[in-house]
PDB file of N, CA and C in Angstrom:
ATOM      1  N   MET A   1      67.632 -81.379-132.849  1.00  0.00           N
ATOM      2  CA  MET A   1      68.179 -82.758-132.917  1.00  0.00           C
ATOM      3  C   MET A   1      68.949 -82.972-134.233  1.00  0.00           C
ATOM      4  N   PRO A   2      68.390 -82.429-135.316  1.00  0.00           N
ATOM      5  CA  PRO A   2      69.103 -82.596-136.632  1.00  0.00           C
ATOM      6  C   PRO A   2      70.512 -81.917-136.656  1.00  0.00           C
ATOM      7  N   VAL A   3      70.633 -80.978-135.728  1.00  0.00           N
ATOM      8  CA  VAL A   3      71.907 -80.252-135.671  1.00  0.00           C
ATOM      9  C   VAL A   3      72.948 -81.095-134.873  1.00  0.00           C
ATOM     10  N   GLU A   4      72.434 -81.947-133.985  1.00  0.00           N
ATOM     11  CA  GLU A   4      73.361 -82.800-133.183  1.00  0.00           C
ATOM     12  C   GLU A   4      74.095 -83.834-134.071  1.00  0.00           C
ATOM     13  N   PRO A   5      73.417 -84.494-134.948  1.00  0.00           N
ATOM     14  CA  PRO A   5      74.036 -85.479-135.834  1.00  0.00           C
ATOM     15  C   PRO A   5      75.261 -84.923-136.599  1.00  0.00           C
ATOM     16  N   PRO A   6      75.154 -83.725-137.110  1.00  0.00           N
ATOM     17  CA  PRO A   6      76.285 -83.126-137.861  1.00  0.00           C
ATOM     18  C   PRO A   6      77.509 -82.961-136.941  1.00  0.00           C
ATOM     19  N   ILE A   7      77.326 -82.766-135.662  1.00  0.00           N
ATOM     20  CA  ILE A   7      78.479 -82.624-134.752  1.00  0.00           C
ATOM     21  C   ILE A   7      79.292 -83.945-134.686  1.00  0.00           C
ATOM     22  N   PRO A   8      78.589 -85.066-134.478  1.00  0.00           N
ATOM     23  CA  PRO A   8      79.301 -86.347-134.418  1.00  0.00           C
ATOM     24  C   PRO A   8      79.906 -86.735-135.755  1.00  0.00           C
ATOM     25  N   GLN A   9      79.401 -86.183-136.837  1.00  0.00           N
ATOM     26  CA  GLN A   9      79.951 -86.499-138.158  1.00  0.00           C
ATOM     27  C   GLN A   9      81.440 -86.128-138.267  1.00  0.00           C
ATOM     28  N   PRO A  10      81.813 -84.970-137.770  1.00  0.00           N
ATOM     29  CA  PRO A  10      83.245 -84.548-137.790  1.00  0.00           C
ATOM     30  C   PRO A  10      84.117 -85.597-137.116  1.00  0.00           C
ATOM     31  N   ASP A  11      83.528 -86.240-136.122  1.00  0.00           N
ATOM     32  CA  ASP A  11      84.321 -87.260-135.404  1.00  0.00           C
ATOM     33  C   ASP A  11      84.505 -88.502-136.282  1.00  0.00           C
ATOM     34  N   ALA A  12      83.571 -88.741-137.186  1.00  0.00           N
ATOM     35  CA  ALA A  12      83.644 -89.903-138.073  1.00  0.00           C
ATOM     36  C   ALA A  12      84.739 -89.698-139.108  1.00  0.00           C
ATOM     37  N   PRO A  13      84.912 -88.553-139.674  1.00  0.00           N
ATOM     38  CA  PRO A  13      86.000 -88.312-140.699  1.00  0.00           C
ATOM     39  C   PRO A  13      87.364 -88.765-140.183  1.00  0.00           C
ATOM     40  N   PRO A  14      87.755 -88.426-138.962  1.00  0.00           N
ATOM     41  CA  PRO A  14      89.037 -88.846-138.421  1.00  0.00           C
ATOM     42  C   PRO A  14      89.220 -90.359-138.464  1.00  0.00           C
ATOM     43  N   ALA A  15      88.105 -91.078-138.229  1.00  0.00           N
ATOM     44  CA  ALA A  15      88.149 -92.554-138.235  1.00  0.00           C
ATOM     45  C   ALA A  15      88.281 -93.005-139.687  1.00  0.00           C
ATOM     46  N   GLU A  16      87.662 -92.318-140.594  1.00  0.00           N
ATOM     47  CA  GLU A  16      87.703 -92.703-142.021  1.00  0.00           C
ATOM     48  C   GLU A  16      89.094 -92.352-142.580  1.00  0.00           C
ATOM     49  N   THR A  17      89.722 -91.369-142.041  1.00  0.00           N
ATOM     50  CA  THR A  17      91.022 -90.940-142.574  1.00  0.00           C
ATOM     51  C   THR A  17      92.051 -92.105-142.504  1.00  0.00           C
ATOM     52  N   PRO A  18      92.162 -92.766-141.404  1.00  0.00           N
ATOM     53  CA  PRO A  18      93.141 -93.874-141.265  1.00  0.00           C
ATOM     54  C   PRO A  18      92.765 -94.987-142.260  1.00  0.00           C
ATOM     55  N   ALA A  19      91.515 -95.150-142.560  1.00  0.00           N
ATOM     56  CA  ALA A  19      91.032 -96.197-143.465  1.00  0.00           C
ATOM     57  C   ALA A  19      91.571 -95.889-144.865  1.00  0.00           C
ATOM     58  N   THR A  20      91.673 -94.595-145.187  1.00  0.00           N
ATOM     59  CA  THR A  20      92.149 -94.213-146.531  1.00  0.00           C
ATOM     60  C   THR A  20      93.601 -94.553-146.676  1.00  0.00           C
ATOM     61  N   PRO A  21      94.000 -95.162-147.786  1.00  0.00           N
ATOM     62  CA  PRO A  21      95.409 -95.558-147.988  1.00  0.00           C
ATOM     63  C   PRO A  21      96.320 -94.338-148.315  1.00  0.00           C
ATOM     64  N   GLY A  22      95.662 -93.247-148.741  1.00  0.00           N
ATOM     65  CA  GLY A  22      96.492 -92.044-149.077  1.00  0.00           C
ATOM     66  C   GLY A  22      96.678 -91.201-147.840  1.00  0.00           C
ATOM     67  N   ILE A  23      95.666 -91.057-147.039  1.00  0.00           N
ATOM     68  CA  ILE A  23      95.787 -90.169-145.823  1.00  0.00           C
ATOM     69  C   ILE A  23      96.302 -91.005-144.608  1.00  0.00           C
ATOM     70  N   ALA A  24      96.000 -92.321-144.662  1.00  0.00           N
ATOM     71  CA  ALA A  24      96.403 -93.179-143.512  1.00  0.00           C
ATOM     72  C   ALA A  24      97.891 -93.066-143.283  1.00  0.00           C
ATOM     73  N   PRO A  25      98.731 -93.284-144.290  1.00  0.00           N
ATOM     74  CA  PRO A  25     100.192 -93.253-144.110  1.00  0.00           C
ATOM     75  C   PRO A  25     100.667 -91.845-143.654  1.00  0.00           C
ATOM     76  N   ALA A  26     100.010 -90.824-144.123  1.00  0.00           N
ATOM     77  CA  ALA A  26     100.435 -89.461-143.791  1.00  0.00           C
ATOM     78  C   ALA A  26      99.994 -89.136-142.385  1.00  0.00           C
ATOM     79  N   GLU A  27      98.823 -89.673-141.977  1.00  0.00           N
ATOM     80  CA  GLU A  27      98.298 -89.345-140.615  1.00  0.00           C
ATOM     81  C   GLU A  27      98.983 -90.275-139.613  1.00  0.00           C
ATOM     82  N   ALA A  28      99.161 -91.527-139.929  1.00  0.00           N
ATOM     83  CA  ALA A  28      99.766 -92.489-138.961  1.00  0.00           C
ATOM     84  C   ALA A  28     100.926 -93.191-139.588  1.00  0.00           C
ATOM     85  N   PRO A  29     102.078 -92.530-139.687  1.00  0.00           N
ATOM     86  CA  PRO A  29     103.308 -93.080-140.341  1.00  0.00           C
ATOM     87  C   PRO A  29     103.827 -94.301-139.543  1.00  0.00           C
ATOM     88  N   PRO A  30     103.717 -94.283-138.193  1.00  0.00           N
ATOM     89  CA  PRO A  30     104.250 -95.386-137.396  1.00  0.00           C
ATOM     90  C   PRO A  30     103.482 -96.676-137.662  1.00  0.00           C
ATOM     91  N   MET A  31     102.182 -96.519-137.940  1.00  0.00           N
ATOM     92  CA  MET A  31     101.361 -97.718-138.141  1.00  0.00           C
ATOM     93  C   MET A  31     101.765 -98.441-139.431  1.00  0.00           C
ATOM     94  N   PRO A  32     101.827 -97.726-140.542  1.00  0.00           N
ATOM     95  CA  PRO A  32     102.235 -98.348-141.848  1.00  0.00           C
ATOM     96  C   PRO A  32     103.700 -98.768-141.837  1.00  0.00           C
ATOM     97  N   ALA A  33     104.467 -98.240-140.943  1.00  0.00           N
ATOM     98  CA  ALA A  33     105.915 -98.538-140.970  1.00  0.00           C
ATOM     99  C   ALA A  33     106.113-100.037-140.626  1.00  0.00           C
ATOM    100  N   PRO A  34     105.514-100.549-139.522  1.00  0.00           N
ATOM    101  CA  PRO A  34     105.718-101.962-139.213  1.00  0.00           C
ATOM    102  C   PRO A  34     105.044-102.882-140.215  1.00  0.00           C
ATOM    103  N   SER A  35     104.009-102.380-140.894  1.00  0.00           N
ATOM    104  CA  SER A  35     103.256-103.196-141.845  1.00  0.00           C
ATOM    105  C   SER A  35     104.014-103.204-143.173  1.00  0.00           C
ATOM    106  N   GLN A  36     104.544-102.030-143.553  1.00  0.00           N
ATOM    107  CA  GLN A  36     105.278-101.904-144.856  1.00  0.00           C
ATOM    108  C   GLN A  36     106.790-102.132-144.697  1.00  0.00           C
ATOM    109  N   PRO A  37     107.391-102.869-145.523  1.00  0.00           N
ATOM    110  CA  PRO A  37     108.838-103.156-145.448  1.00  0.00           C
ATOM    111  C   PRO A  37     109.661-101.919-145.882  1.00  0.00           C
ATOM    112  N   ASP A  38     108.982-100.963-146.467  1.00  0.00           N
ATOM    113  CA  ASP A  38     109.661 -99.768-146.943  1.00  0.00           C
ATOM    114  C   ASP A  38     110.041 -98.872-145.739  1.00  0.00           C
ATOM    115  N   ALA A  39     109.146 -98.919-144.718  1.00  0.00           N
ATOM    116  CA  ALA A  39     109.380 -98.070-143.544  1.00  0.00           C
ATOM    117  C   ALA A  39     110.636 -98.526-142.815  1.00  0.00           C
ATOM    118  N   PRO A  40     110.754 -99.816-142.537  1.00  0.00           N
ATOM    119  CA  PRO A  40     111.933-100.345-141.821  1.00  0.00           C
ATOM    120  C   PRO A  40     113.200-100.119-142.620  1.00  0.00           C
ATOM    121  N   ALA A  41     113.094-100.059-143.907  1.00  0.00           N
ATOM    122  CA  ALA A  41     114.290 -99.911-144.786  1.00  0.00           C
ATOM    123  C   ALA A  41     114.802 -98.438-144.642  1.00  0.00           C
ATOM    124  N   GLN A  42     113.906 -97.528-144.326  1.00  0.00           N
ATOM    125  CA  GLN A  42     114.304 -96.092-144.190  1.00  0.00           C
ATOM    126  C   GLN A  42     115.307 -95.918-143.070  1.00  0.00           C
ATOM    127  N   PRO A  43     115.033 -96.502-141.898  1.00  0.00           N
ATOM    128  CA  PRO A  43     115.916 -96.363-140.752  1.00  0.00           C
ATOM    129  C   PRO A  43     117.276 -96.982-141.053  1.00  0.00           C
ATOM    130  N   THR A  44     117.269 -97.940-141.948  1.00  0.00           N
ATOM    131  CA  THR A  44     118.556 -98.620-142.298  1.00  0.00           C
ATOM    132  C   THR A  44     119.345 -97.742-143.327  1.00  0.00           C
ATOM    133  N   ALA A  45     118.644 -96.867-143.953  1.00  0.00           N
ATOM    134  CA  ALA A  45     119.295 -95.983-144.960  1.00  0.00           C
ATOM    135  C   ALA A  45     120.252 -95.042-144.341  1.00  0.00           C
ATOM    136  N   PRO A  46     119.885 -94.428-143.214  1.00  0.00           N
ATOM    137  CA  PRO A  46     120.768 -93.441-142.509  1.00  0.00           C
ATOM    138  C   PRO A  46     122.126 -94.044-142.199  1.00  0.00           C
ATOM    139  N   PRO A  47     122.208 -95.240-141.677  1.00  0.00           N
ATOM    140  CA  PRO A  47     123.492 -95.831-141.314  1.00  0.00           C
ATOM    141  C   PRO A  47     124.392 -95.988-142.540  1.00  0.00           C
ATOM    142  N   PRO A  48     123.878 -96.489-143.667  1.00  0.00           N
ATOM    143  CA  PRO A  48     124.672 -96.659-144.890  1.00  0.00           C
ATOM    144  C   PRO A  48     125.153 -95.303-145.392  1.00  0.00           C
ATOM    145  N   GLU A  49     124.360 -94.294-145.195  1.00  0.00           N
ATOM    146  CA  GLU A  49     124.768 -92.928-145.695  1.00  0.00           C
ATOM    147  C   GLU A  49     125.975 -92.451-144.894  1.00  0.00           C
ATOM    148  N   VAL A  50     126.048 -92.839-143.643  1.00  0.00           N
ATOM    149  CA  VAL A  50     127.213 -92.402-142.825  1.00  0.00           C
ATOM    150  C   VAL A  50     128.448 -93.179-143.209  1.00  0.00           C
ATOM    151  N   SER A  51     128.241 -94.363-143.793  1.00  0.00           N
ATOM    152  CA  SER A  51     129.391 -95.207-144.198  1.00  0.00           C
ATOM    153  C   SER A  51     130.196 -94.543-145.307  1.00  0.00           C
ATOM    154  N   PRO A  52     129.548 -94.025-146.283  1.00  0.00           N
ATOM    155  CA  PRO A  52     130.299 -93.347-147.399  1.00  0.00           C
ATOM    156  C   PRO A  52     131.276 -92.290-146.885  1.00  0.00           C
ATOM    157  N   PRO A  53     130.838 -91.426-145.997  1.00  0.00           N
ATOM    158  CA  PRO A  53     131.680 -90.375-145.478  1.00  0.00           C
ATOM    159  C   PRO A  53     132.943 -90.970-144.811  1.00  0.00           C
ATOM    160  N   THR A  54     132.792 -92.083-144.132  1.00  0.00           N
ATOM    161  CA  THR A  54     133.899 -92.714-143.427  1.00  0.00           C
ATOM    162  C   THR A  54     135.024 -93.095-144.436  1.00  0.00           C
ATOM    163  N   PRO A  55     134.654 -93.797-145.499  1.00  0.00           N
ATOM    164  CA  PRO A  55     135.621 -94.232-146.537  1.00  0.00           C
ATOM    165  C   PRO A  55     136.236 -93.018-147.234  1.00  0.00           C
ATOM    166  N   ASP A  56     135.395 -91.973-147.327  1.00  0.00           N
ATOM    167  CA  ASP A  56     135.843 -90.752-148.017  1.00  0.00           C
ATOM    168  C   ASP A  56     137.037 -90.174-147.245  1.00  0.00           C
ATOM    169  N   VAL A  57     136.992 -90.262-145.951  1.00  0.00           N
ATOM    170  CA  VAL A  57     138.115 -89.690-145.116  1.00  0.00           C
ATOM    171  C   VAL A  57     139.330 -90.610-145.289  1.00  0.00           C
ATOM    172  N   ASP A  58     139.091 -91.875-145.531  1.00  0.00           N
ATOM    173  CA  ASP A  58     140.216 -92.824-145.660  1.00  0.00           C
ATOM    174  C   ASP A  58     140.885 -92.569-147.005  1.00  0.00           C
ATOM    175  N   VAL A  59     140.121 -92.151-147.982  1.00  0.00           N
ATOM    176  CA  VAL A  59     140.689 -91.903-149.343  1.00  0.00           C
ATOM    177  C   VAL A  59     141.757 -90.811-149.294  1.00  0.00           C
ATOM    178  N   PRO A  60     141.453 -89.728-148.645  1.00  0.00           N
ATOM    179  CA  PRO A  60     142.440 -88.574-148.560  1.00  0.00           C
ATOM    180  C   PRO A  60     143.679 -89.017-147.806  1.00  0.00           C
ATOM    181  N   SER A  61     143.521 -89.909-146.840  1.00  0.00           N
ATOM    182  CA  SER A  61     144.697 -90.335-146.049  1.00  0.00           C
ATOM    183  C   SER A  61     145.723 -90.978-146.961  1.00  0.00           C
ATOM    184  N   PRO A  62     145.369 -92.000-147.772  1.00  0.00           N
ATOM    185  CA  PRO A  62     146.325 -92.672-148.673  1.00  0.00           C
ATOM    186  C   PRO A  62     146.833 -91.653-149.701  1.00  0.00           C
ATOM    187  N   GLY A  63     145.946 -90.744-150.132  1.00  0.00           N
ATOM    188  CA  GLY A  63     146.333 -89.781-151.162  1.00  0.00           C
ATOM    189  C   GLY A  63     147.469 -88.911-150.637  1.00  0.00           C
ATOM    190  N   THR A  64     147.397 -88.538-149.368  1.00  0.00           N
ATOM    191  CA  THR A  64     148.425 -87.672-148.817  1.00  0.00           C
ATOM    192  C   THR A  64     149.743 -88.451-148.699  1.00  0.00           C
ATOM    193  N   THR A  65     149.645 -89.708-148.378  1.00  0.00           N
ATOM    194  CA  THR A  65     150.877 -90.524-148.262  1.00  0.00           C
ATOM    195  C   THR A  65     151.552 -90.635-149.615  1.00  0.00           C
ATOM    196  N   MET A  66     150.777 -90.795-150.649  1.00  0.00           N
ATOM    197  CA  MET A  66     151.344 -90.932-151.992  1.00  0.00           C
ATOM    198  C   MET A  66     152.077 -89.613-152.383  1.00  0.00           C
ATOM    199  N   GLY A  67     151.464 -88.491-152.004  1.00  0.00           N
ATOM    200  CA  GLY A  67     152.058 -87.213-152.311  1.00  0.00           C
ATOM    201  C   GLY A  67     153.345 -87.088-151.531  1.00  0.00           C
TER     202      GLY A  67
END
């Protein structure tokens, strides 16, 4: 019987992991995403990064016209 309790214990760690603030975000990133404003800001970062390349292509266009 004493050996049976140790088996259910491993099941308890997984439940305690999400409770931890350090392992919770790493184990369940989607959960902290809606709760944390930093997560939603990440998806918005990709679009802005694509914006710079667009203007970059526009810069060479005028440069060629000047030449």
